[in-house]
Amino acid sequence: MKTPPFRKSRSQTHLNAKAIANQARRRLYARQAKPHGGVLFGLGFVGLVGWSVVVPTLLGMALGIWIDFKFPNRFSWTLALMLAGLSIGCLMAWEWVLQEQQRMAKDQPPDDFPNQEERD
């Protein structure tokens, strides 16, 4: 005998109840949580990341120019130290963005279905 189309299995009902509970939790979180600053926070963060790349690059260039004038050589210290400063700045910016991403992910409410197996 077939079950009526409106009846669901217990596991499906359990998943639906879990999804509704998680949705309610997310709504409560959205009401209580302080936003991460919105648009102005994003623009400020982009500016901070940009300066964290620019400052080491400019410091490397300044040091390279000083070394090139003090100790002339066939090798360009300006170019080498500019690239070193750029590399260090990019690594610092990358680390900064990763830390911010982890902080934001930690503050997120739970998903309805944390893994694929619960959906099926």
Foldseek 3Di string as FASTA:
>chain_A
DDDDPVDDDPLVVVLVVLLVVLVVVQVVLVVPPDDCCPPVNVVVLVVVLVVLQVVLLVVQQVVQVVCCVVPPDPDRSNVVSNVVSNVNSNVVSVVVVVVVVVVVVVSHGDHSDPDDVSVD
